[in-house]
Amino acid sequence: WYHYNLTRHAAEALLLSNGKDGSYLLRKSNEREDLYSLSVRGKDSVKHFHVEYTGTSLKFGFNEFSSLKELVMHFANQPLIGSETGTLIVLKHPYPHKVEEPSIYESVRVHTAMQTGRTENDLVPNAPSLGTKEGYLIKQGKIVKNWKTRWFTLHRNELKYFKDQTATEPIRALDLTECSAVQFDYSQERVNCFCLVFPLRTYYLCAKTGIEADEWIKILRWKL
């Protein structure tokens, strides 16, 4: 659940989209080399806390721990901190850095034992990822701005679209590592639209329902 150079914004998006109350991860702080940030989801927000590594111990507020395991065990069994709203935040669900891509689209589930007196094995994270998705979307043409229904498939970082579900060769394959943003789009006359921003082109897509559009946006943002 150490996410290296994950940004603050990306950590918030990840925990809010796929985590739950008590989900947490550790990442490097961009303020100083010896600082780390512990990002924890509490209700509908994400809080960030500094963890300082002294070389021999970890400092967290007024507390000092000899190891990361000791810090996690301490806060897994008592409130971490009280937020402005009075909500107590506890480290419950480690959010793993490495997740396997399953063959079907499914929500992230993180399991960890919560009884007091847990062993180290209880803290091992286990989470299937938001993996693949497919379905029909209506796409706006590049030159002629008409709308056509296309079959879309998402696997790892590749979004392909086909003429229909029976087609074997895609019309185009988009590399999501080149995509800079995915967001709802309200500039079109159609409803339930969203767009994918690439350096040379912005793709405009519409789903049948708002829920379906939201699902596509969430999984695409997670891929980014």
Protein backbone atom coordinates (compact mmCIF):
# COMPACT_ATOMS: atom_id res chain seq x y z
CA TRP A 1 0.00 0.00 0.00
CA TYR A 2 3.01 2.27 -0.56
CA HIS A 3 2.19 4.20 -3.74
CA TYR A 4 5.56 5.87 -4.35
CA ASN A 5 5.16 9.18 -6.22
CA LEU A 6 1.35 9.19 -6.37
CA THR A 7 0.16 12.80 -6.25
CA ARG A 8 -2.19 14.19 -3.60
CA HIS A 9 -4.91 14.70 -6.23
CA ALA A 10 -4.54 11.17 -7.60
CA ALA A 11 -4.60 9.69 -4.08
CA GLU A 12 -7.87 11.51 -3.36
CA ALA A 13 -9.41 10.36 -6.65
CA LEU A 14 -8.35 6.75 -6.04
CA LEU A 15 -9.64 6.56 -2.47
CA LEU A 16 -12.90 8.41 -3.20
CA SER A 17 -13.68 6.39 -6.33
CA ASN A 18 -12.67 2.92 -5.17
CA GLY A 19 -11.98 3.05 -1.44
CA LYS A 20 -14.28 3.18 1.57
CA ASP A 21 -14.32 4.67 5.04
CA GLY A 22 -10.95 3.76 6.56
CA SER A 23 -9.10 3.01 3.29
CA TYR A 24 -5.53 4.33 3.42
CA LEU A 25 -2.28 4.47 1.47
CA LEU A 26 1.21 5.88 1.92
CA ARG A 27 3.00 8.03 -0.63
CA LYS A 28 6.00 10.32 -0.89
CA SER A 29 5.40 13.91 0.17
CA ASN A 30 6.41 16.51 -2.40
CA GLU A 31 7.50 18.89 0.37
CA ARG A 32 10.66 17.19 1.68
CA GLU A 33 12.69 14.05 0.97
CA ASP A 34 12.29 12.72 4.53
CA LEU A 35 8.52 13.25 4.57
CA TYR A 36 5.77 10.83 3.57
CA SER A 37 2.04 11.43 3.38
CA LEU A 38 -0.52 9.06 4.83
CA SER A 39 -3.78 9.54 2.89
CA VAL A 40 -6.88 8.23 4.65
CA ARG A 41 -10.50 8.25 3.53
CA GLY A 42 -13.01 9.27 6.19
CA LYS A 43 -16.64 9.31 5.07
CA ASP A 44 -16.70 11.43 1.89
CA SER A 45 -13.34 13.15 2.15
CA VAL A 46 -9.66 12.27 2.21
CA LYS A 47 -7.31 13.54 4.91
CA HIS A 48 -3.52 13.72 4.50
CA PHE A 49 -1.06 13.37 7.39
CA HIS A 50 2.70 13.85 7.46
CA VAL A 51 4.90 10.93 8.49
CA GLU A 52 8.55 11.86 9.06
CA TYR A 53 11.30 9.25 8.70
CA THR A 54 14.26 10.08 10.96
CA GLY A 55 16.45 7.23 9.74
CA THR A 56 15.68 5.04 12.73
CA SER A 57 12.03 5.80 13.52
CA LEU A 58 8.79 7.23 12.16
CA LYS A 59 7.33 10.40 13.67
CA PHE A 60 3.61 10.99 13.42
CA GLY A 61 2.42 14.06 15.33
CA PHE A 62 3.54 13.59 18.94
CA ASN A 63 3.96 9.84 18.48
CA GLU A 64 7.12 8.03 17.44
CA PHE A 65 7.24 4.45 16.16
CA SER A 66 10.15 2.09 15.54
CA SER A 67 8.54 0.61 12.40
CA LEU A 68 5.74 1.17 9.92
CA LYS A 69 4.05 -2.01 11.13
CA GLU A 70 3.98 -0.61 14.68
CA LEU A 71 2.38 2.63 13.43
CA VAL A 72 -0.33 0.80 11.48
CA MET A 73 -1.10 -1.61 14.32
CA HIS A 74 -1.39 1.34 16.73
CA PHE A 75 -3.87 3.31 14.63
CA ALA A 76 -5.81 0.28 13.36
CA ASN A 77 -7.16 -0.25 16.86
CA GLN A 78 -7.95 3.30 17.92
CA PRO A 79 -9.02 6.54 16.24
CA LEU A 80 -6.32 8.18 14.17
CA ILE A 81 -7.58 11.74 14.48
CA GLY A 82 -10.79 13.72 14.79
CA SER A 83 -11.72 15.76 11.72
CA GLU A 84 -13.39 19.16 11.70
CA THR A 85 -16.80 17.47 11.52
CA GLY A 86 -16.05 15.31 14.55
CA THR A 87 -15.62 12.16 12.48
CA LEU A 88 -13.02 9.76 13.86
CA ILE A 89 -10.71 8.31 11.23
CA VAL A 90 -9.25 4.80 11.66
CA LEU A 91 -6.82 2.85 9.47
CA LYS A 92 -8.98 -0.08 8.37
CA HIS A 93 -8.31 -1.03 4.75
CA PRO A 94 -4.82 -0.82 3.19
CA TYR A 95 -5.12 0.13 -0.49
CA PRO A 96 -2.55 -2.00 -2.39
CA HIS A 97 -0.16 -0.57 -4.94
CA LYS A 98 -0.16 -3.70 -7.08
CA VAL A 99 -3.54 -5.02 -8.21
CA GLU A 100 -4.27 -7.79 -10.67
CA GLU A 101 -6.42 -7.13 -13.73
CA PRO A 102 -9.39 -9.53 -13.59
CA SER A 103 -11.20 -10.71 -16.71
CA ILE A 104 -14.44 -8.94 -15.78
CA TYR A 105 -15.38 -5.46 -14.63
CA GLU A 106 -15.84 -5.34 -10.89
CA SER A 107 -15.60 -2.95 -7.98
CA VAL A 108 -12.58 -2.85 -5.75
CA ARG A 109 -12.97 -4.82 -2.53
CA VAL A 110 -10.39 -4.58 0.22
CA HIS A 111 -10.51 -7.05 3.09
CA THR A 112 -8.56 -7.02 6.32
CA ALA A 113 -9.28 -8.44 9.75
CA MET A 114 -10.37 -5.87 12.31
CA GLN A 115 -10.22 -7.77 15.61
CA THR A 116 -7.72 -6.65 18.24
CA GLY A 117 -4.52 -8.67 18.44
CA ARG A 118 -4.10 -9.18 14.71
CA THR A 119 -1.01 -10.74 13.22
CA GLU A 120 1.11 -9.30 10.42
CA ASN A 121 -0.70 -11.54 7.92
CA ASP A 122 -3.97 -9.76 8.73
CA LEU A 123 -2.52 -6.57 7.26
CA VAL A 124 -1.74 -8.09 3.85
CA PRO A 125 -3.94 -6.23 1.36
CA ASN A 126 -6.03 -8.11 -1.17
CA ALA A 127 -7.94 -6.23 -3.82
CA PRO A 128 -9.18 -7.08 -7.29
CA SER A 129 -9.06 -3.93 -9.40
CA LEU A 130 -11.37 -2.03 -11.62
CA GLY A 131 -10.18 -3.99 -14.60
CA THR A 132 -12.05 -4.13 -17.89
CA LYS A 133 -15.28 -2.75 -19.31
CA GLU A 134 -17.11 -2.93 -22.62
CA GLY A 135 -20.33 -1.62 -24.07
CA TYR A 136 -21.96 0.57 -26.70
CA LEU A 137 -21.33 4.32 -26.67
CA ILE A 138 -22.33 7.01 -29.17
CA LYS A 139 -19.25 8.76 -30.59
CA GLN A 140 -18.95 12.06 -32.40
CA GLY A 141 -17.06 11.99 -35.71
CA LYS A 142 -13.78 13.88 -36.14
CA ILE A 143 -14.44 15.68 -39.43
CA VAL A 144 -18.20 15.37 -39.91
CA LYS A 145 -19.70 16.05 -36.47
CA ASN A 146 -22.33 13.35 -36.71
CA TRP A 147 -22.91 10.75 -34.01
CA LYS A 148 -22.53 7.01 -34.52
CA THR A 149 -22.94 4.07 -32.17
CA ARG A 150 -19.72 2.17 -31.61
CA TRP A 151 -18.72 -0.85 -29.49
CA PHE A 152 -16.02 0.07 -26.94
CA THR A 153 -13.70 -2.27 -25.03
CA LEU A 154 -11.33 -1.28 -22.24
CA HIS A 155 -8.45 -3.53 -21.19
CA ARG A 156 -5.48 -2.34 -19.15
CA ASN A 157 -4.50 1.05 -20.66
CA GLU A 158 -6.07 0.52 -24.09
CA LEU A 159 -9.50 1.76 -25.13
CA LYS A 160 -10.62 0.33 -28.50
CA TYR A 161 -13.76 1.04 -30.48
CA PHE A 162 -15.32 -1.13 -33.19
CA LYS A 163 -18.06 -0.66 -35.76
CA ASP A 164 -20.23 -3.04 -33.71
CA GLN A 165 -19.94 -5.91 -31.23
CA THR A 166 -19.39 -8.50 -33.97
CA ALA A 167 -16.43 -6.69 -35.60
CA THR A 168 -13.03 -8.31 -35.07
CA GLU A 169 -10.80 -5.38 -36.05
CA PRO A 170 -11.06 -2.08 -34.15
CA ILE A 171 -11.53 1.21 -35.93
CA ARG A 172 -9.02 2.71 -33.53
CA ALA A 173 -7.11 1.86 -30.34
CA LEU A 174 -6.48 4.72 -27.91
CA ASP A 175 -3.50 4.64 -25.52
CA LEU A 176 -4.78 6.01 -22.21
CA THR A 177 -1.26 6.82 -21.04
CA GLU A 178 -1.48 9.74 -23.51
CA CYS A 179 -4.87 10.92 -22.18
CA SER A 180 -4.72 13.98 -19.91
CA ALA A 181 -8.34 14.17 -18.68
CA VAL A 182 -11.72 12.43 -18.61
CA GLN A 183 -14.74 14.49 -17.63
CA PHE A 184 -18.46 15.06 -18.10
CA ASP A 185 -19.19 17.29 -21.09
CA TYR A 186 -22.15 19.66 -21.18
CA SER A 187 -21.31 21.43 -24.46
CA GLN A 188 -23.27 18.95 -26.61
CA GLU A 189 -26.99 18.93 -27.31
CA ARG A 190 -27.08 15.30 -26.18
CA VAL A 191 -27.22 14.19 -22.54
CA ASN A 192 -24.94 11.78 -20.61
CA CYS A 193 -21.88 12.91 -22.57
CA PHE A 194 -18.25 12.89 -21.52
CA CYS A 195 -14.94 13.56 -23.23
CA LEU A 196 -11.40 12.17 -23.31
CA VAL A 197 -8.69 14.77 -23.85
CA PHE A 198 -5.68 13.72 -25.91
CA PRO A 199 -2.86 15.98 -27.21
CA LEU A 200 -4.13 16.03 -30.81
CA ARG A 201 -7.85 15.43 -30.33
CA THR A 202 -10.67 15.43 -27.81
CA TYR A 203 -13.06 12.48 -28.14
CA TYR A 204 -16.74 13.13 -27.33
CA LEU A 205 -18.80 10.12 -26.21
CA CYS A 206 -22.36 9.68 -24.93
CA ALA A 207 -23.86 6.85 -22.89
CA LYS A 208 -27.49 5.75 -22.70
CA THR A 209 -27.84 6.70 -19.05
CA GLY A 210 -26.13 9.01 -16.57
CA ILE A 211 -25.19 6.01 -14.41
CA GLU A 212 -23.48 4.32 -17.35
CA ALA A 213 -21.58 7.52 -18.23
CA ASP A 214 -20.49 7.84 -14.60
CA GLU A 215 -19.21 4.23 -14.62
CA TRP A 216 -17.13 4.86 -17.73
CA ILE A 217 -15.71 8.09 -16.30
CA LYS A 218 -14.78 6.44 -13.00
CA ILE A 219 -12.97 3.50 -14.55
CA LEU A 220 -11.20 5.67 -17.15
CA ARG A 221 -10.05 8.14 -14.48
CA TRP A 222 -8.81 5.24 -12.39
CA LYS A 223 -6.78 4.01 -15.36
CA LEU A 224 -5.25 7.50 -15.74
